[in-house]
Amino acid sequence: MHPVSPVKSTQVSQEVFNQFLEMQLTCFAECAQTHYVKIYQGESVNLVLPGLGGGHVREISITLHQVYGVPYLSGSSLKGVVRNWALQAFFAGDEKRGMEETDEPSEYFKAIFGTQERRGSVQFHDAFFLGGGEITPDVMTPHFSDYYSGTRAPTDDQNPIPFAFHGVKGEVRVVLTMEKRHPQELLEIAGSWTQKALTELGIGSKTAVGYGRFTNLVDVTGDLISELAAAIEQERRRRAEEIEEQKRAQEREESLASLSPGERLAFEIRSLGEDERDVGRSKGGIYRRLLDLPEAEQKSAAQALKEYWIKTGDWKKPSKKQKEKNRAVREILERT
């Protein structure tokens, strides 16, 4: 048998995957505006074997994400495990009872997982191991391979044939969501069933011999979502204010477009602040633009400039240079 080594991700792929987890968490925080969200995290007790029996050239497989190349637990597998746990816990494994009875567990069962007539209310999302998990080798040694293949009885003269495979261990994040039009109680119950299913039954292959189980599967929704949700709301408000400011700017542009050159300059003067930069503009470029206007357009802008200089103190207590500008403005205003 060839030795099997642990599989480690490169630093680049690890960084990309961690960015994905952060992005996914942000998406769930945004989703919390319209959906109830439950997030659980817990540690694997032993190796988890997702997709061990899948098709593979080595006849032994492991489910890897198509984009990120890390092991994960598909949402459909999670839903199936939790559904099976509920069937065993409440209906002795009898699906017909779960669908036909009208007691409380049956009603919850049908509402969460759905029936032929309606879809289930709870969405089970793909679960990822934080950091990508640790893909670890293990060995299985069937002692009666001829018996399992159906060619011989299970006798002691058959040679054990060990073969290697990989599993994954680490901390997993499980996410459930549900539209807010449904009672929140349903998601609480689905979350409780998920915790029990993953700690009592496990998920993946060979759960009967201890693989695929988790421990300390706790609700971390508040810790992960609340801070993100506040940041998202702040960013949403910032974007709304930005859009509103752009709208006001567009309205100003449209309003200015309908004004005459003199009225536009007057509007610009009335928009000036009293800081040093704007005061300097009023005495420089804006004053020169006033003088360049046709005489018929100058009066409204000159009146606005006078009012501005009164506000800044340059009309009543002007400097030597400013006196000349005040005189020119006064002459414009005194024209008939």
Protein backbone atom coordinates (compact mmCIF):
# COMPACT_ATOMS: atom_id res chain seq x y z
CA MET A 1 0.00 0.00 0.00
CA HIS A 2 1.33 3.41 -0.93
CA PRO A 3 1.69 5.93 1.93
CA VAL A 4 -0.94 8.67 2.03
CA SER A 5 0.01 12.18 3.14
CA PRO A 6 -2.17 15.03 4.40
CA VAL A 7 -3.26 17.47 1.72
CA LYS A 8 -2.49 21.13 2.37
CA SER A 9 -3.77 24.13 0.43
CA THR A 10 -1.35 26.73 -0.87
CA GLN A 11 -1.21 30.16 0.75
CA VAL A 12 -2.82 31.73 -2.31
CA SER A 13 -5.77 29.33 -2.40
CA GLN A 14 -6.21 29.71 1.37
CA GLU A 15 -6.40 33.50 1.06
CA VAL A 16 -8.93 33.24 -1.79
CA PHE A 17 -11.09 30.83 0.19
CA ASN A 18 -11.00 33.02 3.31
CA GLN A 19 -12.10 35.97 1.18
CA PHE A 20 -14.98 33.83 -0.06
CA LEU A 21 -16.04 33.01 3.53
CA GLU A 22 -16.01 36.72 4.42
CA MET A 23 -18.01 37.57 1.30
CA GLN A 24 -20.50 34.78 2.06
CA LEU A 25 -20.95 36.06 5.61
CA THR A 26 -21.58 39.58 4.29
CA CYS A 27 -24.21 38.17 1.90
CA PHE A 28 -25.98 36.43 4.78
CA ALA A 29 -25.89 39.67 6.80
CA GLU A 30 -27.58 41.46 3.88
CA CYS A 31 -29.99 38.54 3.53
CA ALA A 32 -31.02 39.16 7.16
CA GLN A 33 -32.97 42.20 5.95
CA THR A 34 -35.60 39.92 4.37
CA HIS A 35 -34.85 36.48 5.87
CA TYR A 36 -34.30 34.94 9.27
CA VAL A 37 -30.73 33.62 9.47
CA LYS A 38 -29.21 30.99 11.77
CA ILE A 39 -25.47 30.24 11.82
CA TYR A 40 -23.93 27.37 13.78
CA GLN A 41 -20.28 26.44 14.23
CA GLY A 42 -18.85 23.28 15.71
CA GLU A 43 -15.85 20.93 15.67
CA SER A 44 -15.72 17.51 14.08
CA VAL A 45 -15.25 14.67 16.58
CA ASN A 46 -13.62 12.38 14.03
CA LEU A 47 -13.00 12.52 10.31
CA VAL A 48 -15.94 13.49 8.11
CA LEU A 49 -16.23 11.56 4.85
CA PRO A 50 -18.31 13.54 2.34
CA GLY A 51 -18.72 11.72 -0.97
CA LEU A 52 -16.60 8.68 -0.07
CA GLY A 53 -18.60 6.44 -2.40
CA GLY A 54 -18.61 8.84 -5.33
CA GLY A 55 -17.14 7.92 -8.70
CA HIS A 56 -13.35 8.26 -8.80
CA VAL A 57 -10.37 6.64 -10.52
CA ARG A 58 -9.20 5.34 -7.13
CA GLU A 59 -12.70 4.10 -6.33
CA ILE A 60 -12.62 6.25 -3.19
CA SER A 61 -13.66 9.88 -3.41
CA ILE A 62 -14.19 13.06 -1.37
CA THR A 63 -16.56 15.89 -2.24
CA LEU A 64 -14.60 19.01 -3.21
CA HIS A 65 -16.04 22.37 -4.15
CA GLN A 66 -16.00 22.94 -7.92
CA VAL A 67 -14.54 26.45 -7.62
CA TYR A 68 -12.45 26.54 -4.45
CA GLY A 69 -11.29 22.93 -4.33
CA VAL A 70 -12.04 22.46 -0.63
CA PRO A 71 -14.16 19.75 0.99
CA TYR A 72 -17.67 20.81 1.96
CA LEU A 73 -21.03 19.45 3.04
CA SER A 74 -23.70 20.11 0.43
CA GLY A 75 -26.92 21.75 1.52
CA SER A 76 -28.94 18.83 0.12
CA SER A 77 -26.93 16.37 2.25
CA LEU A 78 -27.48 18.48 5.36
CA LYS A 79 -31.19 18.67 4.71
CA GLY A 80 -31.35 14.91 4.17
CA VAL A 81 -29.52 14.15 7.42
CA VAL A 82 -31.71 16.50 9.46
CA ARG A 83 -34.84 15.12 7.81
CA ASN A 84 -33.76 11.56 8.59
CA TRP A 85 -33.04 12.50 12.21
CA ALA A 86 -36.54 13.95 12.56
CA LEU A 87 -38.11 10.83 11.02
CA GLN A 88 -36.22 8.59 13.46
CA ALA A 89 -36.84 10.84 16.48
CA PHE A 90 -40.57 11.43 16.03
CA PHE A 91 -41.96 8.80 13.66
CA ALA A 92 -39.80 5.69 14.19
CA GLY A 93 -38.43 6.14 10.67
CA ASP A 94 -41.89 5.96 9.09
CA GLU A 95 -42.12 8.75 6.50
CA LYS A 96 -45.81 8.06 5.92
CA ARG A 97 -46.55 8.89 9.56
CA GLY A 98 -44.60 12.13 9.28
CA MET A 99 -46.65 13.20 6.27
CA GLU A 100 -50.09 12.05 7.40
CA GLU A 101 -50.22 12.70 11.13
CA THR A 102 -51.51 16.05 12.39
CA ASP A 103 -49.70 16.41 15.70
CA GLU A 104 -47.18 19.19 16.36
CA PRO A 105 -43.97 17.36 15.29
CA SER A 106 -45.64 16.30 12.03
CA GLU A 107 -46.78 19.86 11.27
CA TYR A 108 -43.27 21.19 11.93
CA PHE A 109 -41.80 18.39 9.80
CA LYS A 110 -43.99 19.22 6.81
CA ALA A 111 -43.52 22.98 7.16
CA ILE A 112 -39.70 22.73 7.36
CA PHE A 113 -39.03 20.08 4.71
CA GLY A 114 -42.05 20.46 2.46
CA THR A 115 -44.50 18.01 0.91
CA GLN A 116 -45.56 17.05 -2.60
CA GLU A 117 -47.91 20.05 -2.60
CA ARG A 118 -45.66 22.74 -1.13
CA ARG A 119 -41.98 23.43 -0.77
CA GLY A 120 -40.17 23.52 2.56
CA SER A 121 -39.78 26.86 4.33
CA VAL A 122 -36.14 26.43 5.47
CA GLN A 123 -33.11 26.63 3.18
CA PHE A 124 -30.08 24.50 4.12
CA HIS A 125 -26.93 26.05 2.64
CA ASP A 126 -23.66 24.36 1.73
CA ALA A 127 -21.52 24.06 4.88
CA PHE A 128 -17.80 24.86 4.70
CA PHE A 129 -14.95 24.07 7.05
CA LEU A 130 -13.29 27.24 8.32
CA GLY A 131 -9.86 27.59 6.78
CA GLY A 132 -10.80 24.86 4.29
CA GLY A 133 -10.54 22.12 6.89
CA GLU A 134 -7.69 19.64 7.26
CA ILE A 135 -7.80 16.83 4.71
CA THR A 136 -6.38 13.85 6.58
CA PRO A 137 -5.54 10.29 5.50
CA ASP A 138 -7.06 7.19 7.07
CA VAL A 139 -6.98 3.46 6.36
CA MET A 140 -9.74 0.87 6.02
CA THR A 141 -8.94 -2.86 6.14
CA PRO A 142 -11.73 -5.23 5.02
CA HIS A 143 -10.93 -8.76 6.29
CA PHE A 144 -13.42 -10.61 4.08
CA SER A 145 -13.13 -8.98 0.65
CA ASP A 146 -14.26 -12.18 -1.14
CA TYR A 147 -17.34 -12.32 1.08
CA TYR A 148 -18.22 -8.70 0.39
CA SER A 149 -17.86 -9.33 -3.34
CA GLY A 150 -20.27 -12.28 -3.02
CA THR A 151 -17.84 -15.03 -4.11
CA ARG A 152 -17.07 -16.78 -0.78
CA ALA A 153 -18.17 -17.22 2.78
CA PRO A 154 -16.47 -15.04 5.48
CA THR A 155 -13.62 -17.42 6.36
CA ASP A 156 -10.40 -16.63 8.27
CA ASP A 157 -8.11 -17.69 5.43
CA GLN A 158 -8.87 -14.56 3.38
CA ASN A 159 -6.17 -11.89 3.25
CA PRO A 160 -7.02 -8.47 4.72
CA ILE A 161 -6.61 -5.81 2.05
CA PRO A 162 -6.01 -2.34 3.51
CA PHE A 163 -6.78 0.69 1.39
CA ALA A 164 -6.26 4.37 2.08
CA PHE A 165 -8.73 7.22 1.81
CA HIS A 166 -9.05 10.85 2.87
CA GLY A 167 -11.45 12.57 5.22
CA VAL A 168 -11.70 16.08 6.55
CA LYS A 169 -11.72 17.47 10.07
CA GLY A 170 -11.96 20.92 11.57
CA GLU A 171 -14.50 23.58 12.49
CA VAL A 172 -17.58 23.74 10.27
CA ARG A 173 -20.04 26.59 9.67
CA VAL A 174 -23.67 25.62 9.01
CA VAL A 175 -26.17 28.22 7.79
CA LEU A 176 -29.96 28.01 7.63
CA THR A 177 -32.22 30.75 6.26
CA MET A 178 -35.96 31.29 5.96
CA GLU A 179 -38.12 34.03 4.49
CA LYS A 180 -39.64 36.32 7.10
CA ARG A 181 -43.17 35.57 5.88
CA HIS A 182 -42.90 32.28 7.81
CA PRO A 183 -43.05 32.05 11.64
CA GLN A 184 -39.55 32.47 13.12
CA GLU A 185 -40.25 29.49 15.39
CA LEU A 186 -39.82 27.16 12.39
CA LEU A 187 -36.19 28.23 11.91
CA GLU A 188 -35.49 27.84 15.63
CA ILE A 189 -36.81 24.28 15.50
CA ALA A 190 -34.93 23.47 12.29
CA GLY A 191 -31.75 24.77 13.92
CA SER A 192 -32.28 22.63 17.01
CA TRP A 193 -32.88 19.55 14.85
CA THR A 194 -29.73 20.33 12.86
CA GLN A 195 -27.64 20.50 16.03
CA LYS A 196 -28.98 17.14 17.20
CA ALA A 197 -28.65 15.47 13.80
CA LEU A 198 -24.98 16.43 13.38
CA THR A 199 -24.03 15.51 16.94
CA GLU A 200 -26.07 12.30 17.22
CA LEU A 201 -26.20 10.85 13.68
CA GLY A 202 -23.36 12.59 11.87
CA ILE A 203 -23.08 13.23 8.14
CA GLY A 204 -21.26 11.58 5.26
CA SER A 205 -20.10 7.98 4.94
CA LYS A 206 -19.49 5.43 7.73
CA THR A 207 -21.44 7.34 10.39
CA ALA A 208 -22.41 3.99 11.95
CA VAL A 209 -18.78 3.50 13.07
CA GLY A 210 -18.25 7.03 14.40
CA TYR A 211 -17.28 9.11 11.40
CA GLY A 212 -18.95 12.40 10.51
CA ARG A 213 -20.09 13.56 13.93
CA PHE A 214 -19.67 17.03 15.45
CA THR A 215 -19.49 18.49 18.93
CA ASN A 216 -20.07 21.93 20.47
CA LEU A 217 -22.31 22.96 17.59
CA VAL A 218 -23.42 26.35 18.91
CA ASP A 219 -25.47 29.27 17.59
CA VAL A 220 -23.08 32.10 16.63
CA THR A 221 -25.57 34.17 14.61
CA GLY A 222 -25.50 37.19 16.91
CA ASP A 223 -21.70 37.31 17.11
CA LEU A 224 -21.20 37.12 13.35
CA ILE A 225 -24.19 38.94 11.90
CA SER A 226 -25.02 41.87 14.20
CA GLU A 227 -21.78 43.81 13.67
CA LEU A 228 -21.83 43.13 9.93
CA ALA A 229 -25.48 44.10 9.66
CA ALA A 230 -24.73 47.44 11.37
CA ALA A 231 -21.85 48.09 8.94
CA ILE A 232 -24.06 47.17 5.97
CA GLU A 233 -26.82 49.49 7.18
CA GLN A 234 -24.28 52.31 7.58
CA GLU A 235 -22.98 51.70 4.06
CA ARG A 236 -26.56 51.60 2.72
CA ARG A 237 -27.27 54.98 4.32
CA ARG A 238 -24.04 56.40 2.91
CA ARG A 239 -24.99 55.21 -0.58
CA ALA A 240 -28.49 56.65 -0.19
CA GLU A 241 -27.05 60.02 0.84
CA GLU A 242 -24.64 59.90 -2.07
CA ILE A 243 -27.46 59.17 -4.52
CA GLU A 244 -29.53 61.97 -3.00
CA GLU A 245 -26.61 64.39 -3.35
CA GLN A 246 -26.12 63.36 -6.98
CA LYS A 247 -29.83 63.93 -7.54
CA ARG A 248 -29.62 67.41 -5.99
CA ALA A 249 -26.54 68.20 -8.08
CA GLN A 250 -28.37 67.12 -11.24
CA GLU A 251 -31.36 69.28 -10.30
CA ARG A 252 -29.01 72.23 -9.73
CA GLU A 253 -27.42 71.66 -13.13
CA GLU A 254 -30.82 71.51 -14.80
CA SER A 255 -31.90 74.65 -12.96
CA LEU A 256 -28.70 76.49 -13.91
CA ALA A 257 -29.10 75.48 -17.54
CA SER A 258 -32.34 77.46 -17.70
CA LEU A 259 -30.75 80.62 -16.25
CA SER A 260 -29.08 83.48 -18.10
CA PRO A 261 -25.27 83.90 -17.70
CA GLY A 262 -25.77 86.67 -15.13
CA GLU A 263 -28.27 84.64 -13.12
CA ARG A 264 -25.95 81.59 -13.17
CA LEU A 265 -23.07 83.69 -11.82
CA ALA A 266 -25.36 85.15 -9.14
CA PHE A 267 -26.40 81.61 -8.13
CA GLU A 268 -22.74 80.57 -7.91
CA ILE A 269 -21.91 83.61 -5.73
CA ARG A 270 -24.78 82.82 -3.34
CA SER A 271 -23.41 79.28 -3.02
CA LEU A 272 -19.99 80.48 -1.79
CA GLY A 273 -18.85 79.80 1.74
CA GLU A 274 -16.91 82.19 3.97
CA ASP A 275 -13.66 80.24 4.02
CA GLU A 276 -10.46 81.77 2.69
CA ARG A 277 -10.60 79.85 -0.59
CA ASP A 278 -14.12 81.03 -1.52
CA VAL A 279 -13.41 84.60 -0.45
CA GLY A 280 -10.36 84.55 -2.71
CA ARG A 281 -12.45 83.22 -5.60
CA SER A 282 -14.97 86.03 -5.16
CA LYS A 283 -12.21 88.65 -5.46
CA GLY A 284 -10.45 86.92 -8.34
CA GLY A 285 -12.09 84.74 -10.96
CA ILE A 286 -15.70 85.51 -10.07
CA TYR A 287 -15.09 89.28 -10.06
CA ARG A 288 -13.41 89.09 -13.49
CA ARG A 289 -16.29 86.98 -14.86
CA LEU A 290 -18.68 89.70 -13.62
CA LEU A 291 -16.83 92.34 -15.59
CA ASP A 292 -16.79 90.11 -18.70
CA LEU A 293 -20.58 89.75 -18.70
CA PRO A 294 -22.65 91.85 -21.09
CA GLU A 295 -23.91 94.97 -19.32
CA ALA A 296 -27.48 93.73 -19.41
CA GLU A 297 -26.45 90.58 -17.47
CA GLN A 298 -24.22 92.21 -14.83
CA LYS A 299 -26.71 93.67 -12.37
CA SER A 300 -28.02 90.48 -10.66
CA ALA A 301 -24.50 89.08 -10.29
CA ALA A 302 -23.19 92.42 -8.98
CA GLN A 303 -25.97 92.54 -6.36
CA ALA A 304 -25.13 88.99 -5.25
CA LEU A 305 -21.41 89.87 -5.03
CA LYS A 306 -22.14 93.00 -2.97
CA GLU A 307 -24.26 90.99 -0.51
CA TYR A 308 -21.50 88.39 -0.26
CA TRP A 309 -18.82 91.00 0.48
CA ILE A 310 -21.08 92.61 3.09
CA LYS A 311 -21.27 89.21 4.76
CA THR A 312 -17.48 88.72 4.68
CA GLY A 313 -16.75 92.30 5.82
CA ASP A 314 -15.03 93.31 2.56
CA TRP A 315 -17.72 95.88 1.65
CA LYS A 316 -17.63 98.02 4.80
CA LYS A 317 -13.92 97.68 5.61
CA PRO A 318 -12.21 97.06 2.28
CA SER A 319 -8.50 96.99 1.57
CA LYS A 320 -7.00 99.40 -0.96
CA LYS A 321 -7.39 96.90 -3.81
CA GLN A 322 -10.84 95.92 -2.62
CA LYS A 323 -12.03 99.55 -2.71
CA GLU A 324 -11.53 99.57 -6.51
CA LYS A 325 -13.60 96.41 -6.87
CA ASN A 326 -16.33 97.76 -4.61
CA ARG A 327 -16.46 100.92 -6.70
CA ALA A 328 -16.85 98.91 -9.91
CA VAL A 329 -19.66 96.85 -8.43
CA ARG A 330 -21.39 99.99 -7.14
CA GLU A 331 -21.19 101.58 -10.61
CA ILE A 332 -22.86 98.51 -12.13
CA LEU A 333 -25.67 98.66 -9.60
CA GLU A 334 -26.21 102.41 -10.08
CA ARG A 335 -26.74 102.09 -13.82
CA THR A 336 -30.31 102.66 -14.98
